[in-house]
Structures are given as C-alpha cells and as structure tokens.
C-alpha cells in the first residue's frame, strides 16, 4: 500500500496573489502565463517533500552528526564497565524503545495502522519510540511513508541505490534536517498533525530520553557501593542510554540498508526488499521486510511459523488483555504468494 496522497499547500513565499480578469482580458498569453505559474508552484511543492540523495543539499548536518558522534563515544566507553545490572537495564530499555516504541508503535501502529489501541496506550508506546533517538512520531512516520511510496525509486529517503552507507546512516547525517518541519512532513502524516498529543510528542521527542537518562543515573548511583556512586550512575547511563541507543539505531538502519540488499524474496514487489533473518532477530521481526512491503498494513510481518516476530507477539499480547483490536494479518497463500492488491 502506498502512502496517503499528499495534501499540498501553496507556499506563500512563491506565489503571487492572482489578478482578477474579465473574460475579455483572457488571452493566449495570459493562459500560458497561468499554466507556467501553476507548473512552478507544483514543482516547488513537490521539491519540498522530495527525499533521496539527489535532492538533499549535499552537506553534513553538523548538529545531527555531533550528537551521533557523542552517543557512539559513550557506547564505546560503556564497554569498559560491564556488569549484570548494566546488561539488564540495557535489555529492558532496548525492549521498550526498539520493540515497543519503534516496531509496535511508530511502524505498525502509527505508520500503517495495522491495529488499533486506546489513545492512552498509543501515546505511551509512542513515547517509548521517542527514546530510540530516531526523531518524533511525525518525522518518523512521514519519512517511512515516503519510503513506501518511492521504495528503491527516485525520492526514496534511504535506498541502497544511492549507496550502502547512504541507506544505512548517510541519509541521517547529510542534507536537510526535517525533524522540526511539522507542516511540511504533515503532508504525509496528516492524521498525526491533527492530533495534539502527537504534535506535542514530536516537538518534545527529546524529553522522554532525557528523563530516562537521569533515572538511570539515579539507579546506578543507588546500586553502586559507597564511594563509587557517581561512577555507578554515569556507567549505568552509558549502558542504558548511549550503548542502547547506538545498538538500536544501527539495528533500525539495517532494515533500510541490509534488507534491501541481502536475503530472500518471497513476493515480487516493485522494490528490492528482502527477508533477512538476522536483521529480524536484532529488530524483533522488522527484518521480514519483503513480507512487509508485500503486505504493508499487516501487523504481523513473520508470515511463516519459523519467522520469529517479537513485535507481533507484543501486539497479540495487548489484544489478549483488551488493549488492541482490529489487528490486520496478511492472508498468505504459500502455493501462490502475491503482494496485497494483486489479483
């Protein structure tokens, strides 16, 4: 399924107010001028939302690059302070940020609406997604819908056709930073821009991660022996935030890069998506990417019994306690696999 149609708006800075003319004043020249003006407006609007390496500004986004660099340095430092307590906090945070937040919330709920939850549950699991350091929900959802609309074609934000490194991380640290351009991205996520809760979470997407970091410092200090409380707090944060964020980022980015390069194709889709088992393990089921591109609305990506899909199991669990409904599951015919919409 492609992304929703774009709701375009006329940029005030590029369009002059039309001059009223009577029928007698209409000439072939005025008709041609109006046609050219309309074409220019359409070109600028399309250019505003077009993504992909060719349409970026070709320079490093230094704020993003520096933040990413700091987190990577913190992740390396964390490896020198191993403990079981650190590992447990890492795993719990990874589960909530990547599996619950990105897989269940940002991707399968908000982007594709593969199931429904009460509003408070939607906000909670979306807040979990903000702790992955992958931007707010409006940015993430809009970018992913653009990816589905243009997958491995011109305008795809992160296709390996533009280079493996670009698909993996280059698209994040280069070009325009669209995180705060809610109105622009809203053309691809109008359902979220009309929701005050998601607008707030998009604006303050850094807040849950920051709060979680301070809580980790407090926990680490409380668990550390006397005289080492400061070090205990810092190292706990290095594991629970820096190392966990970096591992989660690269796991998510592998869906953009590796699953369009390596793996098996069950369905003949219009892109290069593939099912990659080791990416599925790292991401809780997002690696069954060819299945997903063939059936985007399906809340279940692992369509065979052996395709491990932790994120779907989480959705299933929510349904069993009455917190998820209208779960969409692809009907897969092993003898004749076809993408959704193909007769």
Protein backbone atom coordinates (compact mmCIF):
# COMPACT_ATOMS: atom_id res chain seq x y z
CA UNK A 1 0.00 0.00 0.00
CA UNK A 2 1.37 3.37 -0.92
CA UNK A 3 1.50 6.37 1.39
CA UNK A 4 -1.57 8.59 1.58
CA UNK A 5 -1.96 11.21 -1.08
CA UNK A 6 -0.04 14.38 -0.37
CA UNK A 7 -2.06 17.29 0.88
CA UNK A 8 -0.31 20.18 -0.80
CA UNK A 9 -0.35 23.75 0.30
CA UNK A 10 0.58 26.76 -1.77
CA UNK A 11 3.82 28.29 -0.41
CA UNK A 12 3.04 31.93 0.36
CA UNK A 13 6.57 33.00 -0.45
CA UNK A 14 6.49 31.67 -4.01
CA UNK A 15 3.00 32.50 -5.28
CA UNK A 16 1.71 35.95 -6.02
CA UNK A 17 -1.95 36.75 -5.47
CA UNK A 18 -3.84 36.19 -8.72
CA UNK A 19 -5.15 39.24 -10.56
CA UNK A 20 -8.84 39.16 -11.32
CA UNK A 21 -9.51 39.36 -15.05
CA UNK A 22 -12.68 39.66 -17.06
CA UNK A 23 -13.38 37.23 -19.92
CA UNK A 24 -12.44 39.94 -22.36
CA UNK A 25 -8.95 40.20 -20.84
CA UNK A 26 -8.18 36.46 -21.20
CA UNK A 27 -5.63 35.97 -23.97
CA UNK A 28 -3.48 33.03 -25.07
CA UNK A 29 -0.53 34.79 -23.39
CA UNK A 30 -2.34 35.05 -20.04
CA UNK A 31 -3.41 31.41 -20.24
CA UNK A 32 0.20 30.36 -20.90
CA UNK A 33 1.46 32.53 -18.03
CA UNK A 34 -1.08 30.97 -15.66
CA UNK A 35 -0.08 27.50 -16.82
CA UNK A 36 3.61 28.22 -16.19
CA UNK A 37 2.83 29.66 -12.76
CA UNK A 38 0.81 26.57 -11.82
CA UNK A 39 3.63 24.32 -13.05
CA UNK A 40 6.19 26.25 -10.99
CA UNK A 41 4.05 26.02 -7.85
CA UNK A 42 3.60 22.27 -8.36
CA UNK A 43 7.34 21.85 -8.91
CA UNK A 44 8.26 23.72 -5.74
CA UNK A 45 5.72 21.85 -3.60
CA UNK A 46 6.93 18.51 -4.95
CA UNK A 47 10.55 19.56 -4.40
CA UNK A 48 9.82 20.48 -0.79
CA UNK A 49 8.78 16.95 0.14
CA UNK A 50 11.05 15.02 -2.22
CA UNK A 51 13.68 12.99 -0.41
CA UNK A 52 16.65 10.93 -1.52
CA UNK A 53 20.33 11.65 -2.01
CA UNK A 54 19.90 13.55 -5.28
CA UNK A 55 17.51 16.03 -3.67
CA UNK A 56 19.48 16.73 -0.49
CA UNK A 57 21.78 19.69 -0.09
CA UNK A 58 24.95 17.61 -0.24
CA UNK A 59 26.41 18.74 3.05
CA UNK A 60 26.82 17.32 6.53
CA UNK A 61 24.18 18.17 9.10
CA UNK A 62 26.62 19.01 11.86
CA UNK A 63 24.17 19.07 14.78
CA UNK A 64 22.96 15.57 13.99
CA UNK A 65 26.48 14.33 13.24
CA UNK A 66 27.87 15.69 16.53
CA UNK A 67 25.04 14.20 18.61
CA UNK A 68 25.50 10.84 16.89
CA UNK A 69 29.24 11.05 17.49
CA UNK A 70 28.78 11.73 21.20
CA UNK A 71 26.45 8.76 21.60
CA UNK A 72 28.90 6.49 19.77
CA UNK A 73 31.76 7.60 22.03
CA UNK A 74 29.58 6.92 25.07
CA UNK A 75 28.69 3.49 23.68
CA UNK A 76 32.35 2.54 23.33
CA UNK A 77 33.10 3.82 26.85
CA UNK A 78 30.24 1.69 28.24
CA UNK A 79 32.02 -1.50 27.15
CA UNK A 80 34.75 -0.88 29.77
CA UNK A 81 32.18 -1.03 32.64
CA UNK A 82 30.39 -4.37 32.29
CA UNK A 83 28.03 -5.70 34.96
CA UNK A 84 24.84 -7.77 35.03
CA UNK A 85 22.88 -4.77 36.30
CA UNK A 86 24.02 -2.77 33.30
CA UNK A 87 23.06 -5.57 30.92
CA UNK A 88 19.59 -5.88 32.44
CA UNK A 89 18.92 -2.13 32.13
CA UNK A 90 20.22 -2.23 28.55
CA UNK A 91 17.85 -5.07 27.63
CA UNK A 92 14.80 -3.52 29.29
CA UNK A 93 15.41 -0.15 27.63
CA UNK A 94 16.05 -1.80 24.26
CA UNK A 95 12.78 -3.73 24.54
CA UNK A 96 10.73 -0.62 25.27
CA UNK A 97 12.49 1.69 22.79
CA UNK A 98 13.01 -0.59 19.79
CA UNK A 99 10.43 -3.36 20.07
CA UNK A 100 7.56 -1.49 21.73
CA UNK A 101 8.43 2.03 20.57
CA UNK A 102 9.71 1.66 17.01
CA UNK A 103 8.32 -1.70 15.90
CA UNK A 104 4.93 -1.76 17.58
CA UNK A 105 4.21 1.99 17.80
CA UNK A 106 6.00 4.09 15.18
CA UNK A 107 5.90 1.43 12.47
CA UNK A 108 2.99 -0.95 12.75
CA UNK A 109 0.54 1.32 14.59
CA UNK A 110 1.20 4.92 13.55
CA UNK A 111 2.59 4.47 10.03
CA UNK A 112 0.45 1.63 8.71
CA UNK A 113 -2.42 1.46 11.23
CA UNK A 114 -2.18 -2.32 11.31
CA UNK A 115 -4.11 -2.37 14.58
CA UNK A 116 -5.86 -0.03 17.00
CA UNK A 117 -5.33 0.76 20.68
CA UNK A 118 -6.90 3.12 23.20
CA UNK A 119 -5.47 6.62 22.86
CA UNK A 120 -3.55 6.48 26.15
CA UNK A 121 -1.83 3.25 25.07
CA UNK A 122 -0.97 4.82 21.71
CA UNK A 123 0.63 7.81 23.45
CA UNK A 124 2.54 5.63 25.91
CA UNK A 125 4.10 3.31 23.33
CA UNK A 126 4.81 6.31 21.08
CA UNK A 127 6.70 7.93 23.97
CA UNK A 128 8.72 4.71 24.17
CA UNK A 129 9.61 5.23 20.49
CA UNK A 130 10.98 8.70 21.16
CA UNK A 131 13.60 7.09 23.42
CA UNK A 132 15.19 5.44 20.37
CA UNK A 133 16.66 8.81 19.26
CA UNK A 134 15.04 8.41 15.86
CA UNK A 135 13.05 11.63 15.95
CA UNK A 136 9.47 12.36 16.84
CA UNK A 137 6.50 10.38 15.51
CA UNK A 138 5.54 12.84 12.76
CA UNK A 139 9.07 12.84 11.28
CA UNK A 140 9.44 9.06 11.52
CA UNK A 141 6.01 8.23 10.10
CA UNK A 142 6.22 10.74 7.25
CA UNK A 143 9.69 9.54 6.25
CA UNK A 144 8.61 5.91 6.27
CA UNK A 145 5.52 6.62 4.21
CA UNK A 146 7.70 8.39 1.66
CA UNK A 147 9.92 5.31 1.65
CA UNK A 148 6.95 3.06 0.83
CA UNK A 149 5.69 5.40 -1.86
CA UNK A 150 9.07 5.61 -3.62
CA UNK A 151 10.81 2.46 -2.39
CA UNK A 152 14.07 1.97 -4.31
CA UNK A 153 12.99 4.62 -6.81
CA UNK A 154 13.65 8.33 -7.10
CA UNK A 155 12.66 10.11 -3.89
CA UNK A 156 13.25 7.18 -1.52
CA UNK A 157 14.95 8.71 1.55
CA UNK A 158 17.30 5.76 2.08
CA UNK A 159 17.59 3.39 -0.84
CA UNK A 160 20.86 1.43 -1.32
CA UNK A 161 20.69 2.59 -4.94
CA UNK A 162 22.20 5.79 -3.55
CA UNK A 163 24.93 3.80 -1.80
CA UNK A 164 25.02 1.30 1.06
CA UNK A 165 26.37 3.83 3.56
CA UNK A 166 23.78 6.38 2.48
CA UNK A 167 20.96 3.88 3.05
CA UNK A 168 22.35 2.91 6.43
CA UNK A 169 23.27 6.21 8.07
CA UNK A 170 24.34 8.77 5.49
CA UNK A 171 20.80 9.97 4.90
CA UNK A 172 20.55 10.91 8.60
CA UNK A 173 23.78 12.93 8.91
CA UNK A 174 23.60 14.59 5.47
CA UNK A 175 21.26 17.05 3.86
CA UNK A 176 18.23 18.77 5.31
CA UNK A 177 17.12 18.16 8.89
CA UNK A 178 13.34 17.74 8.64
CA UNK A 179 12.63 16.79 12.25
CA UNK A 180 11.04 20.14 13.13
CA UNK A 181 9.26 20.79 9.81
CA UNK A 182 5.89 19.58 11.02
CA UNK A 183 3.83 21.41 8.39
CA UNK A 184 5.93 20.05 5.54
CA UNK A 185 6.01 16.48 6.84
CA UNK A 186 2.34 16.72 7.70
CA UNK A 187 1.50 16.23 4.04
CA UNK A 188 2.48 12.61 4.56
CA UNK A 189 1.18 12.32 8.11
CA UNK A 190 -1.98 14.47 8.26
CA UNK A 191 -3.54 12.05 10.75
CA UNK A 192 -0.77 12.79 13.26
CA UNK A 193 -0.56 16.55 12.68
CA UNK A 194 -4.25 16.79 13.60
CA UNK A 195 -3.54 15.06 16.92
CA UNK A 196 -2.32 17.43 19.64
CA UNK A 197 -0.72 14.57 21.57
CA UNK A 198 1.46 13.50 18.65
CA UNK A 199 2.33 17.10 17.80
CA UNK A 200 3.50 17.56 21.40
CA UNK A 201 5.50 14.32 21.36
CA UNK A 202 7.09 15.37 18.08
CA UNK A 203 8.08 18.75 19.45
CA UNK A 204 9.44 17.37 22.73
CA UNK A 205 10.67 13.99 21.48
CA UNK A 206 13.94 14.51 23.39
CA UNK A 207 12.20 14.71 26.76
CA UNK A 208 11.44 11.00 27.50
CA UNK A 209 15.02 10.03 26.62
CA UNK A 210 16.39 12.75 28.88
CA UNK A 211 14.19 11.72 31.80
CA UNK A 212 15.13 8.07 31.31
CA UNK A 213 18.81 9.03 31.35
CA UNK A 214 18.51 10.79 34.72
CA UNK A 215 16.56 7.85 36.15
CA UNK A 216 19.36 5.52 35.04
CA UNK A 217 21.92 7.73 36.75
CA UNK A 218 19.88 7.61 39.96
CA UNK A 219 19.51 3.83 39.73
CA UNK A 220 23.19 3.30 39.05
CA UNK A 221 24.17 5.51 41.98
CA UNK A 222 21.80 3.65 44.29
CA UNK A 223 23.23 0.26 43.29
CA UNK A 224 26.88 1.30 43.46
CA UNK A 225 28.95 0.83 46.63
CA UNK A 226 29.69 3.83 48.81
CA UNK A 227 32.38 5.98 47.30
CA UNK A 228 31.58 4.93 43.74
CA UNK A 229 28.08 6.29 43.39
CA UNK A 230 28.95 8.94 40.78
CA UNK A 231 30.78 6.41 38.63
CA UNK A 232 27.94 3.91 39.11
CA UNK A 233 25.38 6.46 37.93
CA UNK A 234 27.37 7.51 34.88
CA UNK A 235 28.16 3.96 33.76
CA UNK A 236 24.54 2.91 34.14
CA UNK A 237 23.53 5.79 31.87
CA UNK A 238 26.24 4.83 29.38
CA UNK A 239 24.71 1.35 29.09
CA UNK A 240 21.03 2.26 29.38
CA UNK A 241 21.19 5.27 27.06
CA UNK A 242 24.36 5.56 24.94
CA UNK A 243 25.10 1.92 24.13
CA UNK A 244 21.44 1.01 23.92
CA UNK A 245 20.63 3.93 21.60
CA UNK A 246 23.57 3.18 19.30
CA UNK A 247 22.69 -0.52 19.04
CA UNK A 248 19.04 0.37 18.39
CA UNK A 249 19.92 2.92 15.73
CA UNK A 250 22.11 0.54 13.78
CA UNK A 251 19.54 -2.25 14.10
CA UNK A 252 16.85 0.04 12.66
CA UNK A 253 19.16 1.35 9.95
CA UNK A 254 19.92 -2.23 8.89
CA UNK A 255 16.27 -2.50 7.88
CA UNK A 256 16.91 0.37 5.46
CA UNK A 257 20.17 -1.00 4.11
CA UNK A 258 20.65 -4.75 4.67
CA UNK A 259 17.07 -5.83 3.98
CA UNK A 260 17.22 -4.16 0.56
CA UNK A 261 20.49 -5.92 -0.26
CA UNK A 262 20.64 -9.40 1.29
CA UNK A 263 18.06 -12.08 1.93
CA UNK A 264 15.28 -13.96 0.18
CA UNK A 265 12.34 -12.57 -1.79
CA UNK A 266 9.07 -14.42 -1.25
CA UNK A 267 6.99 -11.78 -3.06
CA UNK A 268 7.65 -9.97 -6.34
CA UNK A 269 7.34 -6.39 -5.12
CA UNK A 270 8.24 -3.24 -7.05
CA UNK A 271 11.29 -2.69 -4.86
CA UNK A 272 14.33 -4.70 -3.73
CA UNK A 273 13.00 -5.60 -0.27
CA UNK A 274 14.15 -8.94 1.17
CA UNK A 275 13.53 -11.13 4.18
CA UNK A 276 16.65 -11.14 6.34
CA UNK A 277 16.61 -13.42 9.40
CA UNK A 278 19.45 -11.83 11.34
CA UNK A 279 18.01 -8.32 10.97
CA UNK A 280 14.69 -9.78 12.16
CA UNK A 281 16.43 -11.06 15.30
CA UNK A 282 18.01 -7.66 16.02
CA UNK A 283 14.77 -5.73 15.48
CA UNK A 284 12.11 -8.10 16.79
CA UNK A 285 10.68 -9.01 13.39
CA UNK A 286 11.25 -5.91 11.23
CA UNK A 287 13.73 -7.89 9.13
CA UNK A 288 10.94 -9.78 7.35
CA UNK A 289 10.96 -6.78 5.06
CA UNK A 290 9.83 -8.36 1.81
CA UNK A 291 6.77 -9.72 3.62
CA UNK A 292 6.13 -6.22 4.92
CA UNK A 293 6.46 -4.46 1.57
CA UNK A 294 4.13 -7.01 0.03
CA UNK A 295 1.55 -6.52 2.82
CA UNK A 296 2.29 -3.11 4.45
CA UNK A 297 -0.86 -2.95 6.58
CA UNK A 298 -0.34 -6.37 8.14
CA UNK A 299 0.56 -6.09 11.82
CA UNK A 300 2.29 -9.45 11.50
CA UNK A 301 5.50 -9.49 9.44
CA UNK A 302 6.59 -13.06 10.08
CA UNK A 303 4.17 -14.96 7.86
CA UNK A 304 5.64 -18.45 8.28
CA UNK A 305 5.88 -20.39 11.56
CA UNK A 306 9.66 -20.10 11.59
CA UNK A 307 9.70 -16.32 11.03
CA UNK A 308 10.21 -15.04 14.58
CA UNK A 309 8.24 -11.80 15.10
CA UNK A 310 8.56 -10.47 18.65
CA UNK A 311 6.83 -7.21 17.80
CA UNK A 312 3.73 -9.02 16.59
CA UNK A 313 3.73 -11.14 19.74
CA UNK A 314 3.60 -7.88 21.70
CA UNK A 315 0.57 -6.74 19.71
CA UNK A 316 -1.05 -10.15 20.23
CA UNK A 317 -0.43 -9.83 23.97
CA UNK A 318 -2.09 -6.40 24.02
CA UNK A 319 -5.11 -7.90 22.28
CA UNK A 320 -5.39 -10.62 24.93
CA UNK A 321 -5.66 -8.04 27.71
CA UNK A 322 -8.11 -5.91 25.76
CA UNK A 323 -5.72 -3.14 24.68
CA UNK A 324 -5.50 -3.87 20.95
CA UNK A 325 -8.16 -4.55 18.35
CA UNK A 326 -8.78 -4.60 14.59
CA UNK A 327 -5.44 -6.36 14.07
CA UNK A 328 -4.69 -6.74 10.36
CA UNK A 329 -2.95 -10.01 9.40
CA UNK A 330 -1.93 -10.80 5.83
CA UNK A 331 -3.55 -13.82 4.20
CA UNK A 332 -0.56 -15.73 2.86
CA UNK A 333 -1.02 -18.49 0.28
CA UNK A 334 2.20 -20.50 0.29
CA UNK A 335 1.37 -22.05 -3.07
CA UNK A 336 0.72 -18.69 -4.75
CA UNK A 337 2.32 -15.79 -2.83
CA UNK A 338 1.15 -12.43 -4.12
CA UNK A 339 1.57 -8.89 -2.81
CA UNK A 340 -1.50 -7.13 -1.47
CA UNK A 341 -3.69 -5.69 -4.21
CA UNK A 342 -2.57 -8.19 -6.87
CA UNK A 343 -5.42 -10.26 -8.29
